[in-house]
Amino acid sequence: MEILYDQNLLPRMLLTITSIALAIGPAVADFNKTHATNPLWPPHARFHVVWQVITNSSLCFMMIYVLWTPLVEQYNLQLILVLMVQGAILAPLYITIASMGLFDGALKDVNGLRPFKFNIAGKIVELDTNVVGFSNITLVLIIAGLNIVSSVPVL
C-alpha cells in the first residue's frame, strides 16, 4: 500500500503534528526550573512530572511509527487508534482542569510559565499557556478525526 498517496494523508499528517506537539511541547515546558528542577516542588512531585512527560513522549513517538507503518489491511484503523490514544492523553488534562477545586490545583505556579497576552479592542486579555497550547492541539486532533476516511462502518 502506498501510504503517501492514500485518502487519509491529511489526517495522518495532522496526527503526526499533534504527536510531535504532545511529545515535545510538555518536555520543553516541564523540563526546566518551572517544573522538574523547581526547588519549591517536593522531590516526589518532580519525579512524577518527569515520569509523566517521558511516558507521554514515548507514547507519541510510538504513535508516529504506527501512523507511517502499514500494519493492518484497514489502515484507517491505525489512524483511529492514534486518535484514541491522543484523546486518552488529552481528556485527563481537561478532567483535571475541571476538578482542580477538589484538590486545590492550579494551572500555573507563581514562578511558572507566563500567560499569553492579547489586546482585544484595547483590553488586555490573559490566557493560560496550558489552555492555549492544548486547546490548539485538541482542535487539530478534532480536525484530523473528522477527516479520517473510513471504510469501516461506524457503530
C-alpha atoms as a PDB file:
ATOM      1  CA  MET A   1       0.000   0.000   0.000  1.00  0.00           C
ATOM      2  CA  GLU A   2       1.312   3.452  -0.872  1.00  0.00           C
ATOM      3  CA  ILE A   3       0.563   5.444   2.275  1.00  0.00           C
ATOM      4  CA  LEU A   4       1.865   8.735   0.908  1.00  0.00           C
ATOM      5  CA  TYR A   5      -0.916   8.914  -1.660  1.00  0.00           C
ATOM      6  CA  ASP A   6      -3.885   7.365   0.079  1.00  0.00           C
ATOM      7  CA  GLN A   7      -7.114   9.105   1.043  1.00  0.00           C
ATOM      8  CA  ASN A   8      -6.023   9.565   4.673  1.00  0.00           C
ATOM      9  CA  LEU A   9      -2.841  11.562   4.078  1.00  0.00           C
ATOM     10  CA  LEU A  10      -4.259  14.770   5.614  1.00  0.00           C
ATOM     11  CA  PRO A  11      -5.372  13.187   8.915  1.00  0.00           C
ATOM     12  CA  ARG A  12      -2.101  11.225   9.075  1.00  0.00           C
ATOM     13  CA  MET A  13      -0.128  14.463   8.724  1.00  0.00           C
ATOM     14  CA  LEU A  14      -2.320  16.250  11.303  1.00  0.00           C
ATOM     15  CA  LEU A  15      -1.975  13.360  13.759  1.00  0.00           C
ATOM     16  CA  THR A  16       1.793  13.430  13.228  1.00  0.00           C
ATOM     17  CA  ILE A  17       1.803  17.137  14.082  1.00  0.00           C
ATOM     18  CA  THR A  18      -0.230  16.542  17.249  1.00  0.00           C
ATOM     19  CA  SER A  19       2.041  13.612  18.179  1.00  0.00           C
ATOM     20  CA  ILE A  20       5.124  15.806  17.853  1.00  0.00           C
ATOM     21  CA  ALA A  21       3.458  18.650  19.759  1.00  0.00           C
ATOM     22  CA  LEU A  22       2.369  16.333  22.592  1.00  0.00           C
ATOM     23  CA  ALA A  23       5.833  14.744  22.749  1.00  0.00           C
ATOM     24  CA  ILE A  24       7.994  17.856  22.610  1.00  0.00           C
ATOM     25  CA  GLY A  25       5.803  20.689  23.960  1.00  0.00           C
ATOM     26  CA  PRO A  26       5.361  19.374  27.507  1.00  0.00           C
ATOM     27  CA  ALA A  27       9.016  18.286  27.648  1.00  0.00           C
ATOM     28  CA  VAL A  28      10.179  21.799  26.765  1.00  0.00           C
ATOM     29  CA  ALA A  29       7.668  23.360  29.167  1.00  0.00           C
ATOM     30  CA  ASP A  30       8.292  20.988  32.083  1.00  0.00           C
ATOM     31  CA  PHE A  31      11.991  20.026  31.995  1.00  0.00           C
ATOM     32  CA  ASN A  32      13.223  23.289  33.494  1.00  0.00           C
ATOM     33  CA  LYS A  33      13.133  25.435  36.641  1.00  0.00           C
ATOM     34  CA  THR A  34       9.351  25.901  36.444  1.00  0.00           C
ATOM     35  CA  HIS A  35       8.657  22.196  36.980  1.00  0.00           C
ATOM     36  CA  ALA A  36      11.189  19.331  37.007  1.00  0.00           C
ATOM     37  CA  THR A  37      14.021  21.300  38.604  1.00  0.00           C
ATOM     38  CA  ASN A  38      11.871  23.744  40.585  1.00  0.00           C
ATOM     39  CA  PRO A  39      13.401  23.886  44.085  1.00  0.00           C
ATOM     40  CA  LEU A  40       9.989  24.783  45.541  1.00  0.00           C
ATOM     41  CA  TRP A  41       8.470  21.491  44.374  1.00  0.00           C
ATOM     42  CA  PRO A  42       8.775  18.412  46.583  1.00  0.00           C
ATOM     43  CA  PRO A  43      11.218  15.878  45.081  1.00  0.00           C
ATOM     44  CA  HIS A  44       8.461  13.289  44.629  1.00  0.00           C
ATOM     45  CA  ALA A  45       6.317  15.762  42.659  1.00  0.00           C
ATOM     46  CA  ARG A  46       9.315  16.439  40.390  1.00  0.00           C
ATOM     47  CA  PHE A  47       9.743  12.675  39.949  1.00  0.00           C
ATOM     48  CA  HIS A  48       6.122  12.348  38.831  1.00  0.00           C
ATOM     49  CA  VAL A  49       6.280  15.213  36.333  1.00  0.00           C
ATOM     50  CA  VAL A  50       9.395  13.713  34.708  1.00  0.00           C
ATOM     51  CA  TRP A  51       7.791  10.276  34.610  1.00  0.00           C
ATOM     52  CA  GLN A  52       4.576  11.651  33.089  1.00  0.00           C
ATOM     53  CA  VAL A  53       6.388  13.632  30.386  1.00  0.00           C
ATOM     54  CA  ILE A  54       8.620  10.697  29.420  1.00  0.00           C
ATOM     55  CA  THR A  55       5.583   8.379  29.298  1.00  0.00           C
ATOM     56  CA  ASN A  56       3.574  10.773  27.125  1.00  0.00           C
ATOM     57  CA  SER A  57       6.541  11.426  24.831  1.00  0.00           C
ATOM     58  CA  SER A  58       7.204   7.698  24.434  1.00  0.00           C
ATOM     59  CA  LEU A  59       3.564   7.074  23.522  1.00  0.00           C
ATOM     60  CA  CYS A  60       3.658   9.892  20.980  1.00  0.00           C
ATOM     61  CA  PHE A  61       6.790   8.612  19.263  1.00  0.00           C
ATOM     62  CA  MET A  62       5.229   5.136  19.091  1.00  0.00           C
ATOM     63  CA  MET A  63       2.130   6.719  17.534  1.00  0.00           C
ATOM     64  CA  ILE A  64       4.257   8.293  14.795  1.00  0.00           C
ATOM     65  CA  TYR A  65       5.586   4.826  13.976  1.00  0.00           C
ATOM     66  CA  VAL A  66       2.033   3.442  13.879  1.00  0.00           C
ATOM     67  CA  LEU A  67       0.898   6.310  11.645  1.00  0.00           C
ATOM     68  CA  TRP A  68       3.517   5.768   8.970  1.00  0.00           C
ATOM     69  CA  THR A  69       3.941   1.975   9.014  1.00  0.00           C
ATOM     70  CA  PRO A  70       1.236  -0.056   7.274  1.00  0.00           C
ATOM     71  CA  LEU A  71       0.476  -2.713   9.881  1.00  0.00           C
ATOM     72  CA  VAL A  72      -3.063  -3.788   9.006  1.00  0.00           C
ATOM     73  CA  GLU A  73      -5.096  -4.056   5.823  1.00  0.00           C
ATOM     74  CA  GLN A  74      -7.649  -1.494   7.012  1.00  0.00           C
ATOM     75  CA  TYR A  75      -5.071   1.254   7.529  1.00  0.00           C
ATOM     76  CA  ASN A  76      -7.630   3.755   8.789  1.00  0.00           C
ATOM     77  CA  LEU A  77      -7.879   1.598  11.937  1.00  0.00           C
ATOM     78  CA  GLN A  78      -4.317   2.638  12.766  1.00  0.00           C
ATOM     79  CA  LEU A  79      -5.327   6.287  12.411  1.00  0.00           C
ATOM     80  CA  ILE A  80      -8.320   5.743  14.676  1.00  0.00           C
ATOM     81  CA  LEU A  81      -6.060   4.023  17.242  1.00  0.00           C
ATOM     82  CA  VAL A  82      -3.697   7.010  17.263  1.00  0.00           C
ATOM     83  CA  LEU A  83      -6.663   9.367  17.555  1.00  0.00           C
ATOM     84  CA  MET A  84      -7.933   7.406  20.564  1.00  0.00           C
ATOM     85  CA  VAL A  85      -4.541   7.307  22.314  1.00  0.00           C
ATOM     86  CA  GLN A  86      -4.045  11.044  21.833  1.00  0.00           C
ATOM     87  CA  GLY A  87      -7.563  11.589  23.151  1.00  0.00           C
ATOM     88  CA  ALA A  88      -6.629   9.456  26.155  1.00  0.00           C
ATOM     89  CA  ILE A  89      -3.685  11.790  26.786  1.00  0.00           C
ATOM     90  CA  LEU A  90      -5.732  14.989  26.393  1.00  0.00           C
ATOM     91  CA  ALA A  91      -9.025  14.045  28.086  1.00  0.00           C
ATOM     92  CA  PRO A  92      -7.450  13.633  31.551  1.00  0.00           C
ATOM     93  CA  LEU A  93      -5.971  17.130  31.203  1.00  0.00           C
ATOM     94  CA  TYR A  94      -9.439  18.619  30.800  1.00  0.00           C
ATOM     95  CA  ILE A  95     -10.842  16.423  33.593  1.00  0.00           C
ATOM     96  CA  THR A  96      -8.016  17.612  35.851  1.00  0.00           C
ATOM     97  CA  ILE A  97      -8.667  21.258  34.957  1.00  0.00           C
ATOM     98  CA  ALA A  98     -12.375  20.803  35.709  1.00  0.00           C
ATOM     99  CA  SER A  99     -11.651  19.153  39.057  1.00  0.00           C
ATOM    100  CA  MET A 100      -8.833  21.420  40.328  1.00  0.00           C
ATOM    101  CA  GLY A 101     -11.082  22.758  43.077  1.00  0.00           C
ATOM    102  CA  LEU A 102     -11.267  19.287  44.624  1.00  0.00           C
ATOM    103  CA  PHE A 103      -7.517  19.131  45.300  1.00  0.00           C
ATOM    104  CA  ASP A 104      -6.535  22.824  45.363  1.00  0.00           C
ATOM    105  CA  GLY A 105      -4.808  22.562  41.984  1.00  0.00           C
ATOM    106  CA  ALA A 106      -3.673  25.338  39.676  1.00  0.00           C
ATOM    107  CA  LEU A 107      -2.755  25.630  36.015  1.00  0.00           C
ATOM    108  CA  LYS A 108       0.370  27.631  36.830  1.00  0.00           C
ATOM    109  CA  ASP A 109       2.749  28.489  39.627  1.00  0.00           C
ATOM    110  CA  VAL A 110       3.989  31.912  40.657  1.00  0.00           C
ATOM    111  CA  ASN A 111       7.363  31.130  39.083  1.00  0.00           C
ATOM    112  CA  GLY A 112       5.865  29.164  36.165  1.00  0.00           C
ATOM    113  CA  LEU A 113       5.186  29.992  32.540  1.00  0.00           C
ATOM    114  CA  ARG A 114       3.739  33.412  31.814  1.00  0.00           C
ATOM    115  CA  PRO A 115       0.268  33.619  30.268  1.00  0.00           C
ATOM    116  CA  PHE A 116      -0.338  34.652  26.679  1.00  0.00           C
ATOM    117  CA  LYS A 117      -1.489  38.268  26.488  1.00  0.00           C
ATOM    118  CA  PHE A 118      -3.792  39.508  23.748  1.00  0.00           C
ATOM    119  CA  ASN A 119      -5.003  43.032  23.055  1.00  0.00           C
ATOM    120  CA  ILE A 120      -8.669  42.782  22.132  1.00  0.00           C
ATOM    121  CA  ALA A 121     -10.311  46.153  21.428  1.00  0.00           C
ATOM    122  CA  GLY A 122      -7.881  47.917  23.754  1.00  0.00           C
ATOM    123  CA  LYS A 123      -8.371  45.452  26.602  1.00  0.00           C
ATOM    124  CA  ILE A 124      -5.514  43.130  27.626  1.00  0.00           C
ATOM    125  CA  VAL A 125      -6.766  39.555  27.947  1.00  0.00           C
ATOM    126  CA  GLU A 126      -4.557  36.905  29.563  1.00  0.00           C
ATOM    127  CA  LEU A 127      -4.921  33.235  28.668  1.00  0.00           C
ATOM    128  CA  ASP A 128      -3.106  30.420  30.423  1.00  0.00           C
ATOM    129  CA  THR A 129      -0.287  28.909  28.368  1.00  0.00           C
ATOM    130  CA  ASN A 130      -1.531  25.354  29.005  1.00  0.00           C
ATOM    131  CA  VAL A 131      -5.055  26.205  27.880  1.00  0.00           C
ATOM    132  CA  VAL A 132      -3.826  27.918  24.695  1.00  0.00           C
ATOM    133  CA  GLY A 133      -1.357  25.184  23.752  1.00  0.00           C
ATOM    134  CA  PHE A 134      -3.510  22.168  24.490  1.00  0.00           C
ATOM    135  CA  SER A 135      -6.647  23.763  23.015  1.00  0.00           C
ATOM    136  CA  ASN A 136      -4.775  24.212  19.729  1.00  0.00           C
ATOM    137  CA  ILE A 137      -3.593  20.595  19.803  1.00  0.00           C
ATOM    138  CA  THR A 138      -7.155  19.451  20.582  1.00  0.00           C
ATOM    139  CA  LEU A 139      -8.521  21.472  17.665  1.00  0.00           C
ATOM    140  CA  VAL A 140      -6.042  19.883  15.234  1.00  0.00           C
ATOM    141  CA  LEU A 141      -6.879  16.452  16.679  1.00  0.00           C
ATOM    142  CA  ILE A 142     -10.609  17.050  16.093  1.00  0.00           C
ATOM    143  CA  ILE A 143      -9.949  18.207  12.518  1.00  0.00           C
ATOM    144  CA  ALA A 144      -7.842  15.092  11.885  1.00  0.00           C
ATOM    145  CA  GLY A 145     -10.541  12.843  13.313  1.00  0.00           C
ATOM    146  CA  LEU A 146     -13.226  14.420  11.168  1.00  0.00           C
ATOM    147  CA  ASN A 147     -11.081  13.863   8.065  1.00  0.00           C
ATOM    148  CA  ILE A 148     -10.298  10.175   8.518  1.00  0.00           C
ATOM    149  CA  VAL A 149     -11.852   8.417   5.551  1.00  0.00           C
ATOM    150  CA  SER A 150     -13.296   5.238   6.953  1.00  0.00           C
ATOM    151  CA  SER A 151     -14.124   2.044   5.151  1.00  0.00           C
ATOM    152  CA  VAL A 152     -15.308   0.581   8.445  1.00  0.00           C
ATOM    153  CA  PRO A 153     -18.952   1.239   9.341  1.00  0.00           C
ATOM    154  CA  VAL A 154     -19.470   3.371  12.421  1.00  0.00           C
ATOM    155  CA  LEU A 155     -21.491   1.519  15.050  1.00  0.00           C
END
